[in-house]
Amino acid sequence: MEIIIRKAKPADAEMLAHYNALMAKETEQLMLDAERLLSGTKELFNRPEYGFYLVAETDKTIIGQLMITYEWSDWRNGIFWWIQSVYVVPEFRSQEVFKKLYEYVLTLAKENASVCGLRLYVEKRNTTAHRVYEKLGMYTTDYDLYETDFVVRR
């Protein structure tokens, strides 16, 4: 199976939003507001300063995705790329789809002198994802993530 990695296009927004909804339900048992989710997904294409999506395709079908957003680090005088909204269609898992997406991101990031590193957050109980990320050379940090969320209620 040939897997092509490419930047997502606005025409991909509905599929990206659909996969985001599936991911939220699968990993956190959250039912996201579909209209808000689609609007937010489309907005990223209008606001490239916020980030971008990458997709993995085979036979012109999107089988995986991730989103990159940006965080300025004054300590490093550089930008962290945050990997978010990771989803791989279940029947394509364990076929290195995420690995190919990650390697593509890693290459792009290393080619950009302003990028100081990659980060991601993962649901604590998603041990499968933890193992995948560690196998690719990522590691847990000494930080816990705190938030005040005005939209998604848990």
N, C-alpha and C. Protein backbone atom coordinates (compact mmCIF):
# COMPACT_ATOMS: atom_id res chain seq x y z
N MET A 1 0.84 -1.17 0.00
CA MET A 1 0.00 0.00 0.00
C MET A 1 0.89 1.24 0.00
N GLU A 2 0.65 2.11 -0.96
CA GLU A 2 1.40 3.36 -1.02
C GLU A 2 0.64 4.43 -0.22
N ILE A 3 1.35 5.10 0.69
CA ILE A 3 0.77 6.15 1.51
C ILE A 3 1.40 7.47 1.08
N ILE A 4 0.56 8.41 0.70
CA ILE A 4 1.00 9.74 0.31
C ILE A 4 0.67 10.70 1.45
N ILE A 5 1.64 11.52 1.85
CA ILE A 5 1.41 12.55 2.86
C ILE A 5 1.39 13.89 2.13
N ARG A 6 0.39 14.71 2.46
CA ARG A 6 0.28 16.02 1.83
C ARG A 6 -0.39 16.99 2.79
N LYS A 7 -0.20 18.28 2.52
CA LYS A 7 -0.94 19.30 3.26
C LYS A 7 -2.41 19.19 2.88
N ALA A 8 -3.26 19.33 3.86
CA ALA A 8 -4.70 19.28 3.60
C ALA A 8 -5.13 20.53 2.85
N LYS A 9 -6.23 20.38 2.12
CA LYS A 9 -6.83 21.47 1.36
C LYS A 9 -8.21 21.78 1.95
N PRO A 10 -8.73 22.97 1.67
CA PRO A 10 -10.07 23.29 2.17
C PRO A 10 -11.13 22.24 1.80
N ALA A 11 -10.98 21.61 0.66
CA ALA A 11 -11.94 20.58 0.25
C ALA A 11 -11.93 19.37 1.19
N ASP A 12 -10.88 19.23 2.00
CA ASP A 12 -10.77 18.11 2.94
C ASP A 12 -11.46 18.40 4.28
N ALA A 13 -11.95 19.60 4.48
CA ALA A 13 -12.43 20.03 5.80
C ALA A 13 -13.51 19.12 6.37
N GLU A 14 -14.46 18.71 5.58
CA GLU A 14 -15.53 17.86 6.12
C GLU A 14 -14.99 16.53 6.64
N MET A 15 -14.08 15.92 5.90
CA MET A 15 -13.50 14.65 6.34
C MET A 15 -12.64 14.86 7.59
N LEU A 16 -11.87 15.94 7.63
CA LEU A 16 -11.05 16.24 8.80
C LEU A 16 -11.94 16.42 10.04
N ALA A 17 -13.01 17.16 9.90
CA ALA A 17 -13.93 17.38 11.02
C ALA A 17 -14.57 16.06 11.45
N HIS A 18 -14.95 15.24 10.48
CA HIS A 18 -15.54 13.93 10.79
C HIS A 18 -14.55 13.08 11.58
N TYR A 19 -13.30 13.03 11.15
CA TYR A 19 -12.29 12.25 11.86
C TYR A 19 -12.01 12.83 13.25
N ASN A 20 -12.04 14.18 13.37
CA ASN A 20 -11.86 14.79 14.69
C ASN A 20 -12.97 14.36 15.64
N ALA A 21 -14.19 14.30 15.14
CA ALA A 21 -15.32 13.87 15.98
C ALA A 21 -15.15 12.42 16.40
N LEU A 22 -14.72 11.57 15.47
CA LEU A 22 -14.50 10.16 15.80
C LEU A 22 -13.40 10.01 16.84
N MET A 23 -12.34 10.79 16.69
CA MET A 23 -11.22 10.72 17.63
C MET A 23 -11.66 11.15 19.02
N ALA A 24 -12.42 12.24 19.13
CA ALA A 24 -12.88 12.72 20.44
C ALA A 24 -13.78 11.70 21.12
N LYS A 25 -14.63 11.07 20.34
CA LYS A 25 -15.52 10.06 20.91
C LYS A 25 -14.73 8.83 21.34
N GLU A 26 -13.80 8.40 20.53
CA GLU A 26 -13.02 7.20 20.82
C GLU A 26 -12.09 7.38 22.02
N THR A 27 -11.40 8.51 22.09
CA THR A 27 -10.37 8.67 23.10
C THR A 27 -10.86 9.29 24.40
N GLU A 28 -11.89 10.13 24.32
CA GLU A 28 -12.34 10.84 25.52
C GLU A 28 -13.84 10.73 25.75
N GLN A 29 -14.52 9.94 24.93
CA GLN A 29 -15.96 9.76 25.05
C GLN A 29 -16.70 11.10 24.99
N LEU A 30 -16.20 12.02 24.16
CA LEU A 30 -16.80 13.33 23.98
C LEU A 30 -17.57 13.39 22.67
N MET A 31 -18.76 13.96 22.73
CA MET A 31 -19.54 14.21 21.53
C MET A 31 -19.40 15.71 21.23
N LEU A 32 -18.61 16.03 20.24
CA LEU A 32 -18.37 17.43 19.90
C LEU A 32 -19.52 17.99 19.07
N ASP A 33 -19.74 19.27 19.18
CA ASP A 33 -20.75 19.96 18.39
C ASP A 33 -20.28 19.96 16.93
N ALA A 34 -21.00 19.26 16.06
CA ALA A 34 -20.57 19.06 14.67
C ALA A 34 -20.44 20.37 13.91
N GLU A 35 -21.36 21.28 14.11
CA GLU A 35 -21.31 22.56 13.39
C GLU A 35 -20.10 23.39 13.82
N ARG A 36 -19.87 23.46 15.12
CA ARG A 36 -18.72 24.21 15.64
C ARG A 36 -17.42 23.56 15.17
N LEU A 37 -17.37 22.24 15.19
CA LEU A 37 -16.17 21.51 14.77
C LEU A 37 -15.85 21.76 13.30
N LEU A 38 -16.86 21.69 12.44
CA LEU A 38 -16.62 21.94 11.02
C LEU A 38 -16.18 23.39 10.80
N SER A 39 -16.84 24.31 11.48
CA SER A 39 -16.46 25.71 11.36
C SER A 39 -15.02 25.94 11.81
N GLY A 40 -14.64 25.31 12.92
CA GLY A 40 -13.28 25.45 13.43
C GLY A 40 -12.25 24.82 12.51
N THR A 41 -12.62 23.72 11.90
CA THR A 41 -11.72 23.05 10.96
C THR A 41 -11.51 23.92 9.72
N LYS A 42 -12.60 24.45 9.20
CA LYS A 42 -12.50 25.33 8.02
C LYS A 42 -11.70 26.59 8.33
N GLU A 43 -11.87 27.11 9.54
CA GLU A 43 -11.20 28.37 9.91
C GLU A 43 -9.68 28.25 9.84
N LEU A 44 -9.14 27.08 10.13
CA LEU A 44 -7.69 26.91 10.07
C LEU A 44 -7.15 27.20 8.67
N PHE A 45 -7.93 26.89 7.65
CA PHE A 45 -7.49 27.17 6.28
C PHE A 45 -7.49 28.68 5.99
N ASN A 46 -8.32 29.42 6.71
CA ASN A 46 -8.36 30.87 6.55
C ASN A 46 -7.33 31.58 7.42
N ARG A 47 -6.77 30.88 8.39
CA ARG A 47 -5.85 31.47 9.35
C ARG A 47 -4.56 30.65 9.43
N PRO A 48 -3.74 30.68 8.39
CA PRO A 48 -2.52 29.86 8.40
C PRO A 48 -1.57 30.20 9.53
N GLU A 49 -1.72 31.36 10.14
CA GLU A 49 -0.87 31.71 11.28
C GLU A 49 -1.19 30.84 12.49
N TYR A 50 -2.33 30.15 12.47
CA TYR A 50 -2.69 29.24 13.55
C TYR A 50 -2.09 27.85 13.37
N GLY A 51 -1.88 27.43 12.11
CA GLY A 51 -1.34 26.10 11.87
C GLY A 51 -1.80 25.53 10.55
N PHE A 52 -1.71 24.21 10.45
CA PHE A 52 -2.10 23.52 9.22
C PHE A 52 -2.39 22.06 9.51
N TYR A 53 -3.09 21.42 8.60
CA TYR A 53 -3.37 19.99 8.66
C TYR A 53 -2.51 19.25 7.65
N LEU A 54 -2.13 18.04 8.00
CA LEU A 54 -1.56 17.09 7.05
C LEU A 54 -2.47 15.89 6.99
N VAL A 55 -2.53 15.28 5.81
CA VAL A 55 -3.32 14.06 5.66
C VAL A 55 -2.46 12.96 5.05
N ALA A 56 -2.83 11.74 5.37
CA ALA A 56 -2.24 10.55 4.76
C ALA A 56 -3.31 9.96 3.85
N GLU A 57 -2.93 9.67 2.63
CA GLU A 57 -3.87 9.13 1.65
C GLU A 57 -3.35 7.83 1.06
N THR A 58 -4.27 6.98 0.72
CA THR A 58 -3.97 5.83 -0.13
C THR A 58 -5.14 5.71 -1.10
N ASP A 59 -4.84 5.48 -2.34
CA ASP A 59 -5.87 5.42 -3.38
C ASP A 59 -6.80 6.62 -3.33
N LYS A 60 -6.23 7.81 -3.10
CA LYS A 60 -6.95 9.08 -3.03
C LYS A 60 -8.01 9.13 -1.94
N THR A 61 -7.85 8.29 -0.92
CA THR A 61 -8.74 8.27 0.24
C THR A 61 -7.94 8.67 1.46
N ILE A 62 -8.45 9.62 2.23
CA ILE A 62 -7.77 10.05 3.45
C ILE A 62 -7.93 8.96 4.50
N ILE A 63 -6.79 8.48 4.99
CA ILE A 63 -6.81 7.40 6.00
C ILE A 63 -6.20 7.84 7.32
N GLY A 64 -5.67 9.06 7.36
CA GLY A 64 -5.09 9.57 8.58
C GLY A 64 -4.88 11.06 8.49
N GLN A 65 -4.74 11.68 9.66
CA GLN A 65 -4.56 13.13 9.69
C GLN A 65 -3.85 13.54 10.97
N LEU A 66 -3.33 14.75 10.92
CA LEU A 66 -2.88 15.44 12.12
C LEU A 66 -2.89 16.93 11.83
N MET A 67 -2.93 17.69 12.90
CA MET A 67 -2.91 19.14 12.79
C MET A 67 -1.68 19.66 13.52
N ILE A 68 -1.07 20.70 12.97
CA ILE A 68 0.03 21.39 13.62
C ILE A 68 -0.44 22.78 14.03
N THR A 69 -0.22 23.12 15.31
CA THR A 69 -0.42 24.48 15.77
C THR A 69 0.89 24.97 16.37
N TYR A 70 0.96 26.27 16.65
CA TYR A 70 2.23 26.89 17.02
C TYR A 70 2.22 27.44 18.45
N GLU A 71 3.37 27.32 19.10
CA GLU A 71 3.57 27.91 20.43
C GLU A 71 4.95 28.57 20.47
N TRP A 72 4.98 29.85 20.79
CA TRP A 72 6.25 30.56 20.91
C TRP A 72 6.94 30.18 22.22
N SER A 73 8.25 29.93 22.17
CA SER A 73 9.04 29.66 23.36
C SER A 73 10.10 30.74 23.51
N ASP A 74 9.92 31.59 24.50
CA ASP A 74 10.94 32.61 24.75
C ASP A 74 12.23 31.99 25.25
N TRP A 75 12.13 30.88 25.97
CA TRP A 75 13.33 30.20 26.47
C TRP A 75 14.23 29.74 25.33
N ARG A 76 13.63 29.39 24.22
CA ARG A 76 14.38 28.82 23.09
C ARG A 76 14.49 29.78 21.91
N ASN A 77 13.76 30.89 22.00
CA ASN A 77 13.69 31.83 20.88
C ASN A 77 13.27 31.10 19.61
N GLY A 78 12.24 30.28 19.77
CA GLY A 78 11.77 29.49 18.64
C GLY A 78 10.32 29.07 18.85
N ILE A 79 9.82 28.37 17.88
CA ILE A 79 8.42 27.93 17.86
C ILE A 79 8.35 26.42 18.00
N PHE A 80 7.54 25.98 18.97
CA PHE A 80 7.19 24.56 19.03
C PHE A 80 6.04 24.31 18.09
N TRP A 81 6.11 23.23 17.37
CA TRP A 81 4.97 22.76 16.60
C TRP A 81 4.25 21.73 17.47
N TRP A 82 2.99 21.97 17.76
CA TRP A 82 2.15 21.04 18.51
C TRP A 82 1.43 20.12 17.54
N ILE A 83 1.57 18.83 17.74
CA ILE A 83 0.84 17.84 16.95
C ILE A 83 -0.48 17.60 17.66
N GLN A 84 -1.57 17.81 16.95
CA GLN A 84 -2.91 17.66 17.51
C GLN A 84 -3.81 16.95 16.51
N SER A 85 -5.02 16.64 16.96
CA SER A 85 -6.07 16.08 16.10
C SER A 85 -5.57 14.89 15.29
N VAL A 86 -4.82 14.02 15.97
CA VAL A 86 -4.29 12.82 15.32
C VAL A 86 -5.40 11.79 15.18
N TYR A 87 -5.57 11.28 13.98
CA TYR A 87 -6.55 10.21 13.77
C TYR A 87 -6.08 9.35 12.61
N VAL A 88 -6.18 8.04 12.81
CA VAL A 88 -5.93 7.07 11.74
C VAL A 88 -7.15 6.16 11.70
N VAL A 89 -7.69 5.96 10.51
CA VAL A 89 -8.84 5.08 10.33
C VAL A 89 -8.50 3.70 10.90
N PRO A 90 -9.39 3.13 11.72
CA PRO A 90 -9.06 1.88 12.42
C PRO A 90 -8.47 0.77 11.56
N GLU A 91 -9.00 0.55 10.38
CA GLU A 91 -8.49 -0.56 9.56
C GLU A 91 -7.09 -0.30 9.00
N PHE A 92 -6.58 0.93 9.18
CA PHE A 92 -5.24 1.25 8.71
C PHE A 92 -4.24 1.43 9.85
N ARG A 93 -4.69 1.20 11.07
CA ARG A 93 -3.78 1.31 12.21
C ARG A 93 -2.78 0.15 12.18
N SER A 94 -1.64 0.36 12.79
CA SER A 94 -0.55 -0.62 12.81
C SER A 94 0.02 -0.85 11.42
N GLN A 95 -0.17 0.13 10.53
CA GLN A 95 0.40 0.05 9.19
C GLN A 95 1.31 1.25 8.91
N GLU A 96 1.81 1.87 9.99
CA GLU A 96 2.77 2.97 9.92
C GLU A 96 2.22 4.25 9.31
N VAL A 97 0.91 4.44 9.35
CA VAL A 97 0.32 5.67 8.82
C VAL A 97 0.76 6.86 9.67
N PHE A 98 0.60 6.75 11.00
CA PHE A 98 1.04 7.86 11.83
C PHE A 98 2.54 8.06 11.73
N LYS A 99 3.30 6.99 11.66
CA LYS A 99 4.76 7.11 11.53
C LYS A 99 5.11 7.94 10.31
N LYS A 100 4.45 7.70 9.21
CA LYS A 100 4.73 8.48 7.98
C LYS A 100 4.34 9.94 8.16
N LEU A 101 3.20 10.20 8.80
CA LEU A 101 2.80 11.58 9.09
C LEU A 101 3.84 12.25 9.98
N TYR A 102 4.26 11.56 11.04
CA TYR A 102 5.22 12.12 11.98
C TYR A 102 6.56 12.40 11.29
N GLU A 103 7.05 11.47 10.51
CA GLU A 103 8.32 11.67 9.82
C GLU A 103 8.25 12.86 8.86
N TYR A 104 7.11 13.05 8.22
CA TYR A 104 6.90 14.19 7.33
C TYR A 104 6.98 15.49 8.13
N VAL A 105 6.28 15.53 9.28
CA VAL A 105 6.31 16.71 10.15
C VAL A 105 7.73 16.97 10.63
N LEU A 106 8.42 15.93 11.06
CA LEU A 106 9.78 16.07 11.55
C LEU A 106 10.68 16.68 10.48
N THR A 107 10.55 16.22 9.26
CA THR A 107 11.34 16.77 8.15
C THR A 107 11.02 18.23 7.92
N LEU A 108 9.72 18.57 7.86
CA LEU A 108 9.32 19.98 7.66
C LEU A 108 9.87 20.85 8.78
N ALA A 109 9.75 20.37 10.01
CA ALA A 109 10.18 21.15 11.16
C ALA A 109 11.69 21.39 11.14
N LYS A 110 12.45 20.37 10.81
CA LYS A 110 13.91 20.51 10.79
C LYS A 110 14.38 21.42 9.66
N GLU A 111 13.56 21.55 8.61
CA GLU A 111 13.90 22.45 7.51
C GLU A 111 13.58 23.91 7.83
N ASN A 112 12.84 24.14 8.91
CA ASN A 112 12.40 25.48 9.29
C ASN A 112 13.21 25.93 10.51
N ALA A 113 14.12 26.87 10.31
CA ALA A 113 15.04 27.29 11.37
C ALA A 113 14.32 27.88 12.58
N SER A 114 13.10 28.34 12.44
CA SER A 114 12.39 28.94 13.58
C SER A 114 11.74 27.89 14.48
N VAL A 115 11.70 26.64 14.04
CA VAL A 115 11.08 25.57 14.84
C VAL A 115 12.12 25.01 15.80
N CYS A 116 11.76 25.01 17.09
CA CYS A 116 12.70 24.52 18.11
C CYS A 116 12.35 23.12 18.59
N GLY A 117 11.20 22.58 18.19
CA GLY A 117 10.85 21.23 18.60
C GLY A 117 9.40 20.90 18.31
N LEU A 118 9.05 19.66 18.61
CA LEU A 118 7.69 19.16 18.44
C LEU A 118 7.13 18.77 19.79
N ARG A 119 5.85 19.01 19.97
CA ARG A 119 5.16 18.60 21.19
C ARG A 119 3.81 18.02 20.81
N LEU A 120 3.29 17.22 21.71
CA LEU A 120 1.91 16.77 21.58
C LEU A 120 1.39 16.41 22.94
N TYR A 121 0.08 16.39 23.06
CA TYR A 121 -0.50 15.88 24.29
C TYR A 121 -1.34 14.68 23.92
N VAL A 122 -1.47 13.77 24.86
CA VAL A 122 -2.18 12.52 24.62
C VAL A 122 -3.00 12.21 25.85
N GLU A 123 -4.17 11.68 25.66
CA GLU A 123 -5.04 11.29 26.75
C GLU A 123 -4.30 10.27 27.61
N LYS A 124 -4.34 10.43 28.91
CA LYS A 124 -3.53 9.62 29.83
C LYS A 124 -3.76 8.12 29.68
N ARG A 125 -4.98 7.72 29.43
CA ARG A 125 -5.29 6.29 29.36
C ARG A 125 -5.04 5.67 27.98
N ASN A 126 -4.65 6.48 27.02
CA ASN A 126 -4.41 5.98 25.66
C ASN A 126 -3.01 5.38 25.57
N THR A 127 -2.83 4.24 26.20
CA THR A 127 -1.50 3.63 26.29
C THR A 127 -0.96 3.19 24.93
N THR A 128 -1.85 2.85 24.02
CA THR A 128 -1.40 2.48 22.67
C THR A 128 -0.70 3.67 22.02
N ALA A 129 -1.30 4.84 22.12
CA ALA A 129 -0.69 6.04 21.54
C ALA A 129 0.63 6.36 22.24
N HIS A 130 0.67 6.21 23.56
CA HIS A 130 1.92 6.46 24.30
C HIS A 130 3.05 5.62 23.71
N ARG A 131 2.77 4.33 23.49
CA ARG A 131 3.81 3.43 22.96
C ARG A 131 4.25 3.85 21.56
N VAL A 132 3.30 4.27 20.73
CA VAL A 132 3.64 4.71 19.37
C VAL A 132 4.56 5.92 19.42
N TYR A 133 4.21 6.91 20.23
CA TYR A 133 5.00 8.13 20.31
C TYR A 133 6.40 7.85 20.86
N GLU A 134 6.48 7.01 21.87
CA GLU A 134 7.79 6.67 22.44
C GLU A 134 8.65 5.92 21.43
N LYS A 135 8.04 5.05 20.66
CA LYS A 135 8.78 4.29 19.65
C LYS A 135 9.39 5.22 18.59
N LEU A 136 8.73 6.36 18.37
CA LEU A 136 9.24 7.33 17.39
C LEU A 136 10.27 8.29 17.99
N GLY A 137 10.59 8.11 19.27
CA GLY A 137 11.63 8.92 19.89
C GLY A 137 11.11 10.06 20.75
N MET A 138 9.80 10.20 20.88
CA MET A 138 9.25 11.23 21.76
C MET A 138 9.29 10.72 23.19
N TYR A 139 9.22 11.62 24.15
CA TYR A 139 9.27 11.22 25.55
C TYR A 139 8.33 12.11 26.36
N THR A 140 7.91 11.61 27.52
CA THR A 140 7.07 12.41 28.40
C THR A 140 7.93 13.50 29.05
N THR A 141 7.28 14.62 29.33
CA THR A 141 7.99 15.74 29.94
C THR A 141 7.74 15.75 31.44
N ASP A 142 8.33 16.71 32.10
CA ASP A 142 8.12 16.90 33.54
C ASP A 142 6.91 17.79 33.82
N TYR A 143 6.15 18.13 32.79
CA TYR A 143 5.02 19.05 32.93
C TYR A 143 3.69 18.31 32.87
N ASP A 144 2.74 18.78 33.66
CA ASP A 144 1.34 18.38 33.51
C ASP A 144 0.64 19.51 32.78
N LEU A 145 -0.43 19.17 32.08
CA LEU A 145 -1.19 20.16 31.32
C LEU A 145 -2.42 20.57 32.13
N TYR A 146 -2.60 21.86 32.30
CA TYR A 146 -3.79 22.40 32.96
C TYR A 146 -4.52 23.27 31.95
N GLU A 147 -5.83 23.40 32.13
CA GLU A 147 -6.58 24.26 31.23
C GLU A 147 -7.83 24.78 31.89
N THR A 148 -8.36 25.83 31.33
CA THR A 148 -9.70 26.31 31.60
C THR A 148 -10.38 26.34 30.25
N ASP A 149 -11.35 25.47 30.04
CA ASP A 149 -12.01 25.31 28.74
C ASP A 149 -13.38 25.97 28.82
N PHE A 150 -13.61 26.94 27.96
CA PHE A 150 -14.89 27.65 27.94
C PHE A 150 -15.92 27.00 27.02
N VAL A 151 -15.54 25.97 26.27
CA VAL A 151 -16.42 25.41 25.25
C VAL A 151 -16.79 23.95 25.54
N VAL A 152 -15.79 23.08 25.66
CA VAL A 152 -16.05 21.65 25.85
C VAL A 152 -16.18 21.36 27.34
N ARG A 153 -17.32 20.86 27.71
CA ARG A 153 -17.58 20.53 29.11
C ARG A 153 -17.34 19.05 29.33
N ARG A 154 -16.64 18.69 30.39
CA ARG A 154 -16.35 17.29 30.71
C ARG A 154 -17.18 16.86 31.90
